[in-house]
Amino acid sequence: MATPSSPPTHDGVQRYASVIRLRPEHEAEYRRLHADVWPGVLQRIRDSGITNYSIFLRDGMLFSYYEYVGDNHARDLAAMADDPETRRWWELTDPCQQPVPSAAPGERWAALTEVFHTP
């Protein structure tokens, strides 16, 4: 998960976007996993205040977008990282991914900065 891409809007929603490369030799496996995401992982996402979560793929680049409706993003992401089922899920998906060259040290999904949003 990424750091904030925008401040809260008038309705309390924060938008987050990030990118990471998909290793070409793992594309079929990544698609297979995401065709049937585990119910516990989906529930943890919802319980962490994340809505409207999507991952897109183009030319080997994964683009992630979600909206956060909670009140403590760092706490909710930490709860996700502490969830045993989510950690098992990441053990399967992380090897499929490769951080972009501009990612910060230790950063997997590189956060994007929002430059436009319709009011």
N, C-alpha and C. Protein backbone atom coordinates (compact mmCIF):
# COMPACT_ATOMS: atom_id res chain seq x y z
N MET A 1 0.83 -1.18 0.00
CA MET A 1 0.00 0.00 0.00
C MET A 1 0.88 1.25 0.00
N ALA A 2 0.33 2.30 -0.49
CA ALA A 2 1.11 3.52 -0.72
C ALA A 2 0.81 4.60 0.31
N THR A 3 1.61 5.64 0.26
CA THR A 3 1.38 6.82 1.09
C THR A 3 0.36 7.71 0.42
N PRO A 4 -0.15 8.72 1.12
CA PRO A 4 -1.22 9.55 0.56
C PRO A 4 -0.83 10.19 -0.77
N SER A 5 -1.79 10.19 -1.68
CA SER A 5 -1.59 10.90 -2.94
C SER A 5 -2.37 12.20 -2.95
N SER A 6 -3.25 12.39 -1.98
CA SER A 6 -4.02 13.62 -1.92
C SER A 6 -4.53 13.84 -0.50
N PRO A 7 -4.82 15.10 -0.15
CA PRO A 7 -5.41 15.36 1.16
C PRO A 7 -6.87 14.91 1.16
N PRO A 8 -7.48 14.81 2.34
CA PRO A 8 -8.90 14.44 2.38
C PRO A 8 -9.74 15.42 1.57
N THR A 9 -10.75 14.90 0.94
CA THR A 9 -11.67 15.75 0.20
C THR A 9 -12.78 16.18 1.14
N HIS A 10 -13.72 16.94 0.63
CA HIS A 10 -14.82 17.44 1.47
C HIS A 10 -15.64 16.30 2.07
N ASP A 11 -15.64 15.14 1.45
CA ASP A 11 -16.42 14.02 1.96
C ASP A 11 -15.58 13.05 2.80
N GLY A 12 -14.35 13.44 3.14
CA GLY A 12 -13.50 12.62 3.99
C GLY A 12 -12.77 11.50 3.29
N VAL A 13 -12.87 11.41 1.98
CA VAL A 13 -12.21 10.35 1.22
C VAL A 13 -10.82 10.80 0.81
N GLN A 14 -9.84 9.93 0.99
CA GLN A 14 -8.49 10.17 0.49
C GLN A 14 -8.25 9.18 -0.65
N ARG A 15 -7.62 9.65 -1.71
CA ARG A 15 -7.33 8.81 -2.88
C ARG A 15 -5.85 8.43 -2.86
N TYR A 16 -5.57 7.17 -3.13
CA TYR A 16 -4.19 6.66 -3.14
C TYR A 16 -3.96 5.92 -4.45
N ALA A 17 -2.80 6.15 -5.04
CA ALA A 17 -2.43 5.45 -6.26
C ALA A 17 -0.96 5.09 -6.18
N SER A 18 -0.60 3.96 -6.77
CA SER A 18 0.79 3.52 -6.74
C SER A 18 1.05 2.59 -7.92
N VAL A 19 2.35 2.37 -8.19
CA VAL A 19 2.74 1.50 -9.30
C VAL A 19 3.84 0.54 -8.85
N ILE A 20 3.90 -0.56 -9.56
CA ILE A 20 4.95 -1.56 -9.40
C ILE A 20 5.01 -2.35 -10.71
N ARG A 21 6.14 -2.90 -11.01
CA ARG A 21 6.25 -3.73 -12.23
C ARG A 21 5.76 -5.14 -11.94
N LEU A 22 5.18 -5.76 -12.95
CA LEU A 22 4.79 -7.17 -12.89
C LEU A 22 5.84 -7.96 -13.65
N ARG A 23 6.45 -8.92 -12.98
CA ARG A 23 7.44 -9.76 -13.66
C ARG A 23 6.73 -10.56 -14.75
N PRO A 24 7.18 -10.45 -15.98
CA PRO A 24 6.45 -11.08 -17.09
C PRO A 24 6.26 -12.58 -16.92
N GLU A 25 7.23 -13.24 -16.32
CA GLU A 25 7.12 -14.70 -16.14
C GLU A 25 6.08 -15.08 -15.08
N HIS A 26 5.56 -14.08 -14.34
CA HIS A 26 4.56 -14.35 -13.30
C HIS A 26 3.18 -13.79 -13.63
N GLU A 27 3.02 -13.25 -14.84
CA GLU A 27 1.75 -12.62 -15.16
C GLU A 27 0.57 -13.58 -15.05
N ALA A 28 0.68 -14.77 -15.58
CA ALA A 28 -0.43 -15.73 -15.52
C ALA A 28 -0.80 -16.06 -14.07
N GLU A 29 0.20 -16.26 -13.23
CA GLU A 29 -0.06 -16.57 -11.83
C GLU A 29 -0.71 -15.38 -11.12
N TYR A 30 -0.23 -14.18 -11.37
CA TYR A 30 -0.79 -12.98 -10.75
C TYR A 30 -2.26 -12.81 -11.16
N ARG A 31 -2.53 -13.00 -12.42
CA ARG A 31 -3.92 -12.90 -12.89
C ARG A 31 -4.79 -13.98 -12.25
N ARG A 32 -4.25 -15.19 -12.16
CA ARG A 32 -5.01 -16.30 -11.55
C ARG A 32 -5.34 -15.99 -10.10
N LEU A 33 -4.36 -15.51 -9.35
CA LEU A 33 -4.59 -15.18 -7.94
C LEU A 33 -5.67 -14.10 -7.80
N HIS A 34 -5.61 -13.08 -8.62
CA HIS A 34 -6.55 -11.97 -8.49
C HIS A 34 -7.92 -12.27 -9.09
N ALA A 35 -8.03 -13.36 -9.81
CA ALA A 35 -9.35 -13.78 -10.31
C ALA A 35 -10.18 -14.40 -9.17
N ASP A 36 -9.50 -14.77 -8.07
CA ASP A 36 -10.19 -15.41 -6.96
C ASP A 36 -9.51 -15.02 -5.64
N VAL A 37 -9.56 -13.74 -5.32
CA VAL A 37 -8.93 -13.24 -4.09
C VAL A 37 -9.61 -13.87 -2.89
N TRP A 38 -8.81 -14.26 -1.92
CA TRP A 38 -9.33 -14.93 -0.72
C TRP A 38 -10.31 -14.02 0.03
N PRO A 39 -11.42 -14.57 0.50
CA PRO A 39 -12.41 -13.77 1.23
C PRO A 39 -11.82 -13.04 2.44
N GLY A 40 -10.91 -13.66 3.17
CA GLY A 40 -10.32 -13.01 4.33
C GLY A 40 -9.48 -11.80 3.96
N VAL A 41 -8.82 -11.85 2.82
CA VAL A 41 -8.03 -10.72 2.34
C VAL A 41 -8.96 -9.57 1.95
N LEU A 42 -10.04 -9.89 1.27
CA LEU A 42 -11.02 -8.87 0.89
C LEU A 42 -11.65 -8.23 2.13
N GLN A 43 -11.95 -9.05 3.13
CA GLN A 43 -12.54 -8.51 4.35
C GLN A 43 -11.56 -7.59 5.08
N ARG A 44 -10.28 -7.98 5.12
CA ARG A 44 -9.28 -7.15 5.78
C ARG A 44 -9.15 -5.79 5.07
N ILE A 45 -9.23 -5.80 3.73
CA ILE A 45 -9.19 -4.55 2.97
C ILE A 45 -10.36 -3.66 3.40
N ARG A 46 -11.56 -4.22 3.44
CA ARG A 46 -12.74 -3.45 3.84
C ARG A 46 -12.61 -2.96 5.28
N ASP A 47 -12.14 -3.85 6.17
CA ASP A 47 -12.00 -3.49 7.59
C ASP A 47 -10.95 -2.40 7.79
N SER A 48 -10.07 -2.23 6.83
CA SER A 48 -9.04 -1.19 6.90
C SER A 48 -9.50 0.13 6.29
N GLY A 49 -10.78 0.25 5.97
CA GLY A 49 -11.32 1.51 5.46
C GLY A 49 -11.02 1.76 4.00
N ILE A 50 -10.66 0.71 3.28
CA ILE A 50 -10.31 0.85 1.87
C ILE A 50 -11.51 0.45 1.02
N THR A 51 -11.87 1.35 0.11
CA THR A 51 -12.98 1.10 -0.81
C THR A 51 -12.53 1.39 -2.23
N ASN A 52 -13.32 0.94 -3.17
CA ASN A 52 -13.08 1.25 -4.58
C ASN A 52 -11.65 0.90 -4.99
N TYR A 53 -11.17 -0.25 -4.54
CA TYR A 53 -9.80 -0.69 -4.78
C TYR A 53 -9.71 -1.41 -6.12
N SER A 54 -8.80 -0.97 -6.96
CA SER A 54 -8.61 -1.57 -8.28
C SER A 54 -7.12 -1.69 -8.57
N ILE A 55 -6.76 -2.70 -9.34
CA ILE A 55 -5.41 -2.84 -9.88
C ILE A 55 -5.56 -3.00 -11.39
N PHE A 56 -4.81 -2.20 -12.13
CA PHE A 56 -4.82 -2.24 -13.59
C PHE A 56 -3.45 -2.69 -14.08
N LEU A 57 -3.39 -3.26 -15.29
CA LEU A 57 -2.13 -3.72 -15.88
C LEU A 57 -2.00 -3.17 -17.29
N ARG A 58 -0.80 -2.64 -17.58
CA ARG A 58 -0.48 -2.18 -18.94
C ARG A 58 1.02 -2.28 -19.14
N ASP A 59 1.44 -2.95 -20.19
CA ASP A 59 2.85 -3.03 -20.56
C ASP A 59 3.75 -3.41 -19.38
N GLY A 60 3.30 -4.38 -18.61
CA GLY A 60 4.10 -4.87 -17.49
C GLY A 60 4.08 -4.00 -16.25
N MET A 61 3.27 -2.96 -16.24
CA MET A 61 3.18 -2.05 -15.10
C MET A 61 1.82 -2.24 -14.43
N LEU A 62 1.84 -2.47 -13.12
CA LEU A 62 0.61 -2.55 -12.34
C LEU A 62 0.34 -1.17 -11.74
N PHE A 63 -0.88 -0.71 -11.86
CA PHE A 63 -1.33 0.57 -11.31
C PHE A 63 -2.43 0.26 -10.31
N SER A 64 -2.26 0.71 -9.08
CA SER A 64 -3.22 0.47 -8.02
C SER A 64 -3.90 1.78 -7.64
N TYR A 65 -5.21 1.71 -7.40
CA TYR A 65 -5.97 2.88 -6.95
C TYR A 65 -6.96 2.43 -5.89
N TYR A 66 -7.05 3.21 -4.81
CA TYR A 66 -8.10 2.97 -3.83
C TYR A 66 -8.47 4.26 -3.12
N GLU A 67 -9.62 4.20 -2.48
CA GLU A 67 -10.09 5.33 -1.69
C GLU A 67 -10.12 4.88 -0.23
N TYR A 68 -9.64 5.77 0.64
CA TYR A 68 -9.58 5.48 2.06
C TYR A 68 -10.62 6.32 2.78
N VAL A 69 -11.47 5.65 3.57
CA VAL A 69 -12.56 6.34 4.26
C VAL A 69 -12.44 6.23 5.77
N GLY A 70 -11.33 5.71 6.26
CA GLY A 70 -11.12 5.59 7.71
C GLY A 70 -10.60 6.87 8.31
N ASP A 71 -10.14 6.77 9.57
CA ASP A 71 -9.65 7.96 10.26
C ASP A 71 -8.18 7.87 10.67
N ASN A 72 -7.51 6.75 10.35
CA ASN A 72 -6.10 6.62 10.68
C ASN A 72 -5.45 5.65 9.67
N HIS A 73 -5.01 6.19 8.56
CA HIS A 73 -4.49 5.38 7.47
C HIS A 73 -3.32 4.51 7.91
N ALA A 74 -2.37 5.09 8.63
CA ALA A 74 -1.19 4.33 9.08
C ALA A 74 -1.60 3.16 9.97
N ARG A 75 -2.51 3.39 10.89
CA ARG A 75 -2.98 2.32 11.77
C ARG A 75 -3.67 1.21 10.97
N ASP A 76 -4.52 1.61 10.02
CA ASP A 76 -5.26 0.62 9.25
C ASP A 76 -4.34 -0.18 8.33
N LEU A 77 -3.31 0.45 7.76
CA LEU A 77 -2.34 -0.30 6.96
C LEU A 77 -1.52 -1.23 7.83
N ALA A 78 -1.20 -0.81 9.06
CA ALA A 78 -0.46 -1.68 9.98
C ALA A 78 -1.30 -2.89 10.36
N ALA A 79 -2.59 -2.70 10.56
CA ALA A 79 -3.48 -3.82 10.87
C ALA A 79 -3.52 -4.80 9.70
N MET A 80 -3.50 -4.27 8.50
CA MET A 80 -3.47 -5.14 7.33
C MET A 80 -2.17 -5.94 7.29
N ALA A 81 -1.06 -5.27 7.54
CA ALA A 81 0.25 -5.94 7.52
C ALA A 81 0.39 -6.96 8.64
N ASP A 82 -0.36 -6.81 9.72
CA ASP A 82 -0.33 -7.76 10.83
C ASP A 82 -1.26 -8.94 10.64
N ASP A 83 -2.12 -8.88 9.65
CA ASP A 83 -3.11 -9.93 9.42
C ASP A 83 -2.44 -11.16 8.81
N PRO A 84 -2.52 -12.32 9.49
CA PRO A 84 -1.83 -13.52 8.98
C PRO A 84 -2.27 -13.94 7.58
N GLU A 85 -3.55 -13.85 7.27
CA GLU A 85 -4.01 -14.26 5.94
C GLU A 85 -3.49 -13.31 4.87
N THR A 86 -3.49 -12.03 5.16
CA THR A 86 -2.95 -11.06 4.21
C THR A 86 -1.46 -11.30 4.00
N ARG A 87 -0.74 -11.59 5.05
CA ARG A 87 0.70 -11.87 4.91
C ARG A 87 0.92 -13.11 4.04
N ARG A 88 0.09 -14.14 4.20
CA ARG A 88 0.21 -15.34 3.34
C ARG A 88 -0.09 -14.98 1.87
N TRP A 89 -1.07 -14.11 1.67
CA TRP A 89 -1.41 -13.64 0.32
C TRP A 89 -0.21 -12.93 -0.31
N TRP A 90 0.40 -12.03 0.47
CA TRP A 90 1.56 -11.30 -0.03
C TRP A 90 2.73 -12.22 -0.33
N GLU A 91 2.86 -13.34 0.38
CA GLU A 91 3.92 -14.30 0.08
C GLU A 91 3.76 -14.87 -1.32
N LEU A 92 2.53 -14.90 -1.81
CA LEU A 92 2.26 -15.38 -3.17
C LEU A 92 2.39 -14.28 -4.21
N THR A 93 1.94 -13.07 -3.87
CA THR A 93 1.92 -12.00 -4.87
C THR A 93 3.24 -11.24 -4.95
N ASP A 94 3.95 -11.07 -3.83
CA ASP A 94 5.19 -10.28 -3.85
C ASP A 94 6.22 -10.80 -4.84
N PRO A 95 6.44 -12.12 -4.98
CA PRO A 95 7.43 -12.57 -5.95
C PRO A 95 7.07 -12.26 -7.40
N CYS A 96 5.81 -11.94 -7.65
CA CYS A 96 5.35 -11.60 -9.00
C CYS A 96 5.70 -10.16 -9.36
N GLN A 97 6.08 -9.37 -8.37
CA GLN A 97 6.25 -7.94 -8.55
C GLN A 97 7.71 -7.52 -8.42
N GLN A 98 8.01 -6.39 -9.03
CA GLN A 98 9.34 -5.79 -8.94
C GLN A 98 9.18 -4.28 -8.81
N PRO A 99 9.67 -3.68 -7.72
CA PRO A 99 9.53 -2.24 -7.56
C PRO A 99 10.14 -1.47 -8.74
N VAL A 100 9.56 -0.33 -9.04
CA VAL A 100 10.09 0.52 -10.10
C VAL A 100 11.42 1.12 -9.63
N PRO A 101 12.30 1.49 -10.56
CA PRO A 101 13.60 2.03 -10.17
C PRO A 101 13.54 3.25 -9.25
N SER A 102 12.50 4.06 -9.35
CA SER A 102 12.40 5.26 -8.53
C SER A 102 11.79 5.01 -7.15
N ALA A 103 11.44 3.77 -6.83
CA ALA A 103 10.88 3.47 -5.51
C ALA A 103 11.91 3.79 -4.42
N ALA A 104 11.42 4.27 -3.30
CA ALA A 104 12.29 4.56 -2.16
C ALA A 104 12.82 3.24 -1.59
N PRO A 105 13.94 3.28 -0.89
CA PRO A 105 14.46 2.06 -0.27
C PRO A 105 13.38 1.41 0.62
N GLY A 106 13.14 0.13 0.39
CA GLY A 106 12.14 -0.61 1.14
C GLY A 106 10.71 -0.44 0.65
N GLU A 107 10.50 0.44 -0.31
CA GLU A 107 9.16 0.68 -0.84
C GLU A 107 8.89 -0.30 -1.98
N ARG A 108 7.78 -1.01 -1.91
CA ARG A 108 7.41 -1.92 -2.99
C ARG A 108 6.55 -1.17 -4.01
N TRP A 109 5.33 -0.88 -3.65
CA TRP A 109 4.45 -0.10 -4.51
C TRP A 109 4.84 1.37 -4.35
N ALA A 110 5.28 2.01 -5.42
CA ALA A 110 5.72 3.40 -5.37
C ALA A 110 4.50 4.32 -5.45
N ALA A 111 4.38 5.19 -4.47
CA ALA A 111 3.24 6.11 -4.40
C ALA A 111 3.29 7.12 -5.54
N LEU A 112 2.12 7.45 -6.05
CA LEU A 112 1.98 8.47 -7.08
C LEU A 112 1.41 9.74 -6.45
N THR A 113 1.72 10.87 -7.04
CA THR A 113 1.21 12.15 -6.58
C THR A 113 0.03 12.54 -7.48
N GLU A 114 -1.07 12.84 -6.87
CA GLU A 114 -2.24 13.27 -7.64
C GLU A 114 -2.01 14.68 -8.15
N VAL A 115 -2.20 14.88 -9.45
CA VAL A 115 -2.03 16.21 -10.03
C VAL A 115 -3.36 16.78 -10.54
N PHE A 116 -4.41 15.95 -10.57
CA PHE A 116 -5.71 16.44 -11.01
C PHE A 116 -6.79 15.51 -10.49
N HIS A 117 -7.90 16.11 -10.10
CA HIS A 117 -9.10 15.37 -9.72
C HIS A 117 -10.28 16.28 -9.99
N THR A 118 -11.32 15.75 -10.62
CA THR A 118 -12.48 16.59 -10.89
C THR A 118 -13.14 17.00 -9.58
N PRO A 119 -13.44 18.27 -9.45
CA PRO A 119 -14.10 18.74 -8.20
C PRO A 119 -15.54 18.30 -8.12
